[in-house]
Amino acid sequence: MMKELKNGFIQTMLGSTIWLLLLSTLFRENRELSYEYIWTIVLIGALFGLVFGIIYPYLWKYATYPAIINIISSTLVNTVLGFLAVNLYDKTMFNLIIPYWWCALILTVIIHSICFYFYTNYQNKQLEKELNSLI
């Protein structure tokens, strides 16, 4: 489990950092990137790696919490770290979207609930196939 979570973190962090650097070089008005800005991008990549490489896989694959706990905890982590990443990237953008934090929270709860429903259906079908192959 630890090896899988470590690999997930590294892959997600590296992929999201490269993705953010690529987008920044393509769409940023100021063509010169400072070291501080690059480290900010790396920190945002680390946040992505934490959420999508460690927390989500742990909650949805390994944790034995009830569904409502998984949904609430993943929603809170996603929302808080998402707003933190936006704040790190651009404070003006953060100030623009922070009044709508409750909309983001409600939308994230709805999306996590839907995803949990489909994920458990998929997981049950895989378990059914595995059990049928043992017979």
C-alpha atoms as a PDB file:
ATOM      1  CA  MET A   1       0.000   0.000   0.000  1.00  0.00           C
ATOM      2  CA  MET A   2       2.731   2.489   0.973  1.00  0.00           C
ATOM      3  CA  LYS A   3       4.674   1.843  -2.233  1.00  0.00           C
ATOM      4  CA  GLU A   4       1.541   2.368  -4.331  1.00  0.00           C
ATOM      5  CA  LEU A   5       0.677   5.619  -2.514  1.00  0.00           C
ATOM      6  CA  LYS A   6       4.270   6.880  -2.846  1.00  0.00           C
ATOM      7  CA  ASN A   7       4.300   6.102  -6.565  1.00  0.00           C
ATOM      8  CA  GLY A   8       0.889   7.734  -6.992  1.00  0.00           C
ATOM      9  CA  PHE A   9       2.124  10.875  -5.237  1.00  0.00           C
ATOM     10  CA  ILE A  10       5.296  11.119  -7.315  1.00  0.00           C
ATOM     11  CA  GLN A  11       3.516  10.489 -10.618  1.00  0.00           C
ATOM     12  CA  THR A  12       0.693  12.923  -9.869  1.00  0.00           C
ATOM     13  CA  MET A  13       3.032  15.612  -8.582  1.00  0.00           C
ATOM     14  CA  LEU A  14       5.361  15.333 -11.557  1.00  0.00           C
ATOM     15  CA  GLY A  15       2.532  15.229 -14.099  1.00  0.00           C
ATOM     16  CA  SER A  16       0.640  18.164 -12.636  1.00  0.00           C
ATOM     17  CA  THR A  17       3.819  20.233 -12.215  1.00  0.00           C
ATOM     18  CA  ILE A  18       4.768  19.696 -15.854  1.00  0.00           C
ATOM     19  CA  TRP A  19       1.181  20.433 -16.908  1.00  0.00           C
ATOM     20  CA  LEU A  20       1.089  23.683 -14.899  1.00  0.00           C
ATOM     21  CA  LEU A  21       4.505  24.785 -16.161  1.00  0.00           C
ATOM     22  CA  LEU A  22       3.410  24.116 -19.736  1.00  0.00           C
ATOM     23  CA  LEU A  23       0.189  26.100 -19.284  1.00  0.00           C
ATOM     24  CA  SER A  24       2.070  28.913 -17.576  1.00  0.00           C
ATOM     25  CA  THR A  25       4.603  29.207 -20.360  1.00  0.00           C
ATOM     26  CA  LEU A  26       1.888  29.144 -23.028  1.00  0.00           C
ATOM     27  CA  PHE A  27      -0.682  31.500 -21.520  1.00  0.00           C
ATOM     28  CA  ARG A  28       1.178  33.747 -19.097  1.00  0.00           C
ATOM     29  CA  GLU A  29       1.542  37.321 -20.304  1.00  0.00           C
ATOM     30  CA  ASN A  30       4.904  37.855 -18.628  1.00  0.00           C
ATOM     31  CA  ARG A  31       7.164  35.427 -20.508  1.00  0.00           C
ATOM     32  CA  GLU A  32       9.833  35.437 -17.819  1.00  0.00           C
ATOM     33  CA  LEU A  33       9.308  32.895 -15.047  1.00  0.00           C
ATOM     34  CA  SER A  34      10.998  33.590 -11.715  1.00  0.00           C
ATOM     35  CA  TYR A  35      12.353  30.939  -9.393  1.00  0.00           C
ATOM     36  CA  GLU A  36       9.692  31.856  -6.840  1.00  0.00           C
ATOM     37  CA  TYR A  37       6.968  31.258  -9.419  1.00  0.00           C
ATOM     38  CA  ILE A  38       8.452  27.898 -10.413  1.00  0.00           C
ATOM     39  CA  TRP A  39       8.603  26.815  -6.753  1.00  0.00           C
ATOM     40  CA  THR A  40       4.981  27.902  -6.376  1.00  0.00           C
ATOM     41  CA  ILE A  41       4.090  25.662  -9.329  1.00  0.00           C
ATOM     42  CA  VAL A  42       6.025  22.792  -7.702  1.00  0.00           C
ATOM     43  CA  LEU A  43       4.136  23.375  -4.425  1.00  0.00           C
ATOM     44  CA  ILE A  44       0.808  23.327  -6.276  1.00  0.00           C
ATOM     45  CA  GLY A  45       1.941  20.084  -7.956  1.00  0.00           C
ATOM     46  CA  ALA A  46       2.709  18.684  -4.501  1.00  0.00           C
ATOM     47  CA  LEU A  47      -0.811  19.619  -3.364  1.00  0.00           C
ATOM     48  CA  PHE A  48      -2.242  17.819  -6.408  1.00  0.00           C
ATOM     49  CA  GLY A  49      -0.029  14.825  -5.604  1.00  0.00           C
ATOM     50  CA  LEU A  50      -1.223  14.822  -2.009  1.00  0.00           C
ATOM     51  CA  VAL A  51      -4.897  14.944  -2.962  1.00  0.00           C
ATOM     52  CA  PHE A  52      -4.978  12.709  -6.035  1.00  0.00           C
ATOM     53  CA  GLY A  53      -1.962  10.511  -5.322  1.00  0.00           C
ATOM     54  CA  ILE A  54      -2.357   9.797  -1.606  1.00  0.00           C
ATOM     55  CA  ILE A  55      -5.620  10.953  -0.018  1.00  0.00           C
ATOM     56  CA  TYR A  56      -8.072   9.827  -2.706  1.00  0.00           C
ATOM     57  CA  PRO A  57      -6.507   6.391  -3.272  1.00  0.00           C
ATOM     58  CA  TYR A  58      -6.324   5.826   0.471  1.00  0.00           C
ATOM     59  CA  LEU A  59      -9.927   6.859   1.095  1.00  0.00           C
ATOM     60  CA  TRP A  60     -11.430   4.966  -1.833  1.00  0.00           C
ATOM     61  CA  LYS A  61      -9.261   1.818  -1.866  1.00  0.00           C
ATOM     62  CA  TYR A  62      -7.919   1.141   1.609  1.00  0.00           C
ATOM     63  CA  ALA A  63      -9.959   2.981   4.234  1.00  0.00           C
ATOM     64  CA  THR A  64     -12.906   1.184   5.767  1.00  0.00           C
ATOM     65  CA  TYR A  65     -14.875   4.263   6.736  1.00  0.00           C
ATOM     66  CA  PRO A  66     -18.585   4.524   5.940  1.00  0.00           C
ATOM     67  CA  ALA A  67     -19.454   6.081   2.581  1.00  0.00           C
ATOM     68  CA  ILE A  68     -20.627   9.364   4.081  1.00  0.00           C
ATOM     69  CA  ILE A  69     -17.277   9.827   5.873  1.00  0.00           C
ATOM     70  CA  ASN A  70     -15.383   9.191   2.614  1.00  0.00           C
ATOM     71  CA  ILE A  71     -17.582  11.645   0.727  1.00  0.00           C
ATOM     72  CA  ILE A  72     -17.365  14.391   3.359  1.00  0.00           C
ATOM     73  CA  SER A  73     -13.637  14.046   3.967  1.00  0.00           C
ATOM     74  CA  SER A  74     -12.738  13.921   0.273  1.00  0.00           C
ATOM     75  CA  THR A  75     -15.017  16.905  -0.366  1.00  0.00           C
ATOM     76  CA  LEU A  76     -13.421  18.985   2.372  1.00  0.00           C
ATOM     77  CA  VAL A  77      -9.880  18.065   1.358  1.00  0.00           C
ATOM     78  CA  ASN A  78     -10.594  18.734  -2.316  1.00  0.00           C
ATOM     79  CA  THR A  79     -12.248  22.092  -1.664  1.00  0.00           C
ATOM     80  CA  VAL A  80      -9.743  23.432   0.870  1.00  0.00           C
ATOM     81  CA  LEU A  81      -6.638  22.353  -1.034  1.00  0.00           C
ATOM     82  CA  GLY A  82      -8.193  23.498  -4.318  1.00  0.00           C
ATOM     83  CA  PHE A  83      -8.737  26.986  -2.940  1.00  0.00           C
ATOM     84  CA  LEU A  84      -5.220  26.918  -1.470  1.00  0.00           C
ATOM     85  CA  ALA A  85      -3.795  26.026  -4.890  1.00  0.00           C
ATOM     86  CA  VAL A  86      -5.723  28.859  -6.528  1.00  0.00           C
ATOM     87  CA  ASN A  87      -4.483  31.252  -3.829  1.00  0.00           C
ATOM     88  CA  LEU A  88      -0.902  30.171  -4.436  1.00  0.00           C
ATOM     89  CA  TYR A  89      -1.279  30.532  -8.196  1.00  0.00           C
ATOM     90  CA  ASP A  90      -2.995  33.921  -8.328  1.00  0.00           C
ATOM     91  CA  LYS A  91      -4.317  35.960  -5.404  1.00  0.00           C
ATOM     92  CA  THR A  92      -6.562  38.059  -7.666  1.00  0.00           C
ATOM     93  CA  MET A  93      -8.282  34.947  -8.975  1.00  0.00           C
ATOM     94  CA  PHE A  94      -8.627  33.650  -5.407  1.00  0.00           C
ATOM     95  CA  ASN A  95     -10.258  36.902  -4.262  1.00  0.00           C
ATOM     96  CA  LEU A  96     -12.639  36.640  -7.196  1.00  0.00           C
ATOM     97  CA  ILE A  97     -13.837  33.096  -6.419  1.00  0.00           C
ATOM     98  CA  ILE A  98     -13.706  32.980  -2.601  1.00  0.00           C
ATOM     99  CA  PRO A  99     -17.198  34.508  -2.146  1.00  0.00           C
ATOM    100  CA  TYR A 100     -18.569  31.427  -3.917  1.00  0.00           C
ATOM    101  CA  TRP A 101     -16.886  28.869  -1.645  1.00  0.00           C
ATOM    102  CA  TRP A 102     -20.223  27.442  -0.567  1.00  0.00           C
ATOM    103  CA  CYS A 103     -21.226  26.820  -4.218  1.00  0.00           C
ATOM    104  CA  ALA A 104     -17.947  24.988  -4.779  1.00  0.00           C
ATOM    105  CA  LEU A 105     -18.521  22.955  -1.620  1.00  0.00           C
ATOM    106  CA  ILE A 106     -22.067  21.950  -2.622  1.00  0.00           C
ATOM    107  CA  LEU A 107     -21.014  21.096  -6.175  1.00  0.00           C
ATOM    108  CA  THR A 108     -18.086  19.050  -4.865  1.00  0.00           C
ATOM    109  CA  VAL A 109     -20.356  17.096  -2.490  1.00  0.00           C
ATOM    110  CA  ILE A 110     -22.724  16.312  -5.363  1.00  0.00           C
ATOM    111  CA  ILE A 111     -19.904  15.227  -7.680  1.00  0.00           C
ATOM    112  CA  HIS A 112     -18.269  13.079  -4.999  1.00  0.00           C
ATOM    113  CA  SER A 113     -21.606  11.415  -4.218  1.00  0.00           C
ATOM    114  CA  ILE A 114     -22.195  10.588  -7.893  1.00  0.00           C
ATOM    115  CA  CYS A 115     -18.630   9.353  -8.331  1.00  0.00           C
ATOM    116  CA  PHE A 116     -18.919   7.203  -5.212  1.00  0.00           C
ATOM    117  CA  TYR A 117     -22.078   5.598  -6.592  1.00  0.00           C
ATOM    118  CA  PHE A 118     -20.424   4.723  -9.911  1.00  0.00           C
ATOM    119  CA  TYR A 119     -17.166   3.663  -8.248  1.00  0.00           C
ATOM    120  CA  THR A 120     -18.928   1.251  -5.885  1.00  0.00           C
ATOM    121  CA  ASN A 121     -20.936  -0.190  -8.786  1.00  0.00           C
ATOM    122  CA  TYR A 122     -17.706  -0.721 -10.745  1.00  0.00           C
ATOM    123  CA  GLN A 123     -15.979  -2.209  -7.707  1.00  0.00           C
ATOM    124  CA  ASN A 124     -18.904  -4.578  -7.060  1.00  0.00           C
ATOM    125  CA  LYS A 125     -18.879  -5.781 -10.671  1.00  0.00           C
ATOM    126  CA  GLN A 126     -15.138  -6.444 -10.499  1.00  0.00           C
ATOM    127  CA  LEU A 127     -15.596  -8.362  -7.247  1.00  0.00           C
ATOM    128  CA  GLU A 128     -18.457 -10.324  -8.805  1.00  0.00           C
ATOM    129  CA  LYS A 129     -16.256 -11.298 -11.782  1.00  0.00           C
ATOM    130  CA  GLU A 130     -13.471 -12.335  -9.462  1.00  0.00           C
ATOM    131  CA  LEU A 131     -15.755 -14.456  -7.316  1.00  0.00           C
ATOM    132  CA  ASN A 132     -17.381 -16.051 -10.363  1.00  0.00           C
ATOM    133  CA  SER A 133     -13.988 -16.990 -11.752  1.00  0.00           C
ATOM    134  CA  LEU A 134     -13.208 -18.837  -8.517  1.00  0.00           C
ATOM    135  CA  ILE A 135     -16.274 -21.071  -8.908  1.00  0.00           C
END
